[in-house]
């Protein structure tokens, strides 16, 4: 959460992590291919950065186009 453009949390002990039952529904498709096995343990991870970037844009009107995100310098 932010108040007057400043993050209310100072560290992880104050940040409430979203629980699975609070997360939006996701649909993951594992595609069979002839490639060598690469694992499917984290297929939902790649869309997190663009989703977070879109959320930051919706909240601030500023686009972040480089990783790692530096939200301290949005002004």
Protein backbone atom coordinates (compact mmCIF):
# COMPACT_ATOMS: atom_id res chain seq x y z
CA UNK A 1 0.00 0.00 0.00
CA UNK A 2 1.04 3.58 -0.63
CA UNK A 3 0.12 6.77 1.18
CA UNK A 4 0.88 10.08 -0.58
CA UNK A 5 3.16 8.22 -3.00
CA UNK A 6 5.24 6.59 -0.22
CA UNK A 7 5.27 2.87 0.50
CA UNK A 8 3.67 2.12 3.88
CA UNK A 9 5.78 -0.99 4.47
CA UNK A 10 9.44 -0.72 5.41
CA UNK A 11 10.28 -4.42 5.14
CA UNK A 12 8.78 -7.86 4.58
CA UNK A 13 7.47 -8.19 8.14
CA UNK A 14 4.90 -5.48 7.33
CA UNK A 15 3.93 -6.75 3.89
CA UNK A 16 0.91 -9.05 3.64
CA UNK A 17 1.64 -11.62 0.95
CA UNK A 18 -1.31 -12.53 -1.25
CA UNK A 19 -2.66 -15.94 -0.34
CA UNK A 20 -3.58 -18.48 -2.97
CA UNK A 21 -7.31 -18.04 -2.32
CA UNK A 22 -6.91 -14.28 -2.96
CA UNK A 23 -5.08 -14.68 -6.27
CA UNK A 24 -6.93 -14.21 -9.55
CA UNK A 25 -7.74 -17.33 -11.53
CA UNK A 26 -4.93 -18.36 -13.85
CA UNK A 27 -4.96 -20.84 -16.66
CA UNK A 28 -1.64 -22.54 -17.41
CA UNK A 29 -1.15 -24.71 -20.50
CA UNK A 30 1.78 -27.09 -20.72
CA UNK A 31 2.53 -27.72 -24.37
CA UNK A 32 3.93 -31.05 -25.46
CA UNK A 33 6.95 -30.58 -27.70
CA UNK A 34 9.99 -32.41 -29.00
CA UNK A 35 12.38 -30.25 -26.96
CA UNK A 36 14.51 -31.59 -24.12
CA UNK A 37 12.75 -31.60 -20.75
CA UNK A 38 13.00 -28.25 -19.03
CA UNK A 39 10.63 -28.67 -16.15
CA UNK A 40 7.21 -27.20 -15.53
CA UNK A 41 7.61 -26.29 -11.87
CA UNK A 42 7.16 -22.55 -12.29
CA UNK A 43 5.13 -21.95 -15.46
CA UNK A 44 3.19 -19.11 -13.84
CA UNK A 45 6.32 -17.09 -13.03
CA UNK A 46 7.10 -15.42 -16.41
CA UNK A 47 3.87 -13.35 -16.53
CA UNK A 48 4.46 -11.86 -13.07
CA UNK A 49 6.83 -9.06 -14.19
CA UNK A 50 4.56 -7.72 -16.97
CA UNK A 51 1.51 -8.01 -14.71
CA UNK A 52 3.28 -6.07 -11.96
CA UNK A 53 4.49 -3.51 -14.51
CA UNK A 54 0.92 -3.00 -15.71
CA UNK A 55 -0.26 -2.63 -12.11
CA UNK A 56 2.39 0.02 -11.41
CA UNK A 57 1.38 1.84 -14.60
CA UNK A 58 -2.30 1.73 -13.61
CA UNK A 59 -1.47 3.14 -10.17
CA UNK A 60 1.09 5.77 -11.20
CA UNK A 61 0.80 6.40 -14.94
CA UNK A 62 4.53 5.60 -15.30
CA UNK A 63 5.84 2.71 -17.40
CA UNK A 64 8.73 0.63 -16.10
CA UNK A 65 10.55 -1.11 -18.90
CA UNK A 66 13.65 -2.53 -17.20
CA UNK A 67 14.21 -5.20 -14.59
CA UNK A 68 14.70 -5.10 -11.70
CA UNK A 69 11.90 -2.59 -11.04
CA UNK A 70 13.02 0.61 -9.35
CA UNK A 71 9.79 2.12 -8.06
CA UNK A 72 11.71 4.58 -5.89
CA UNK A 73 12.52 6.63 -9.01
CA UNK A 74 9.11 6.91 -10.65
CA UNK A 75 8.92 10.68 -10.23
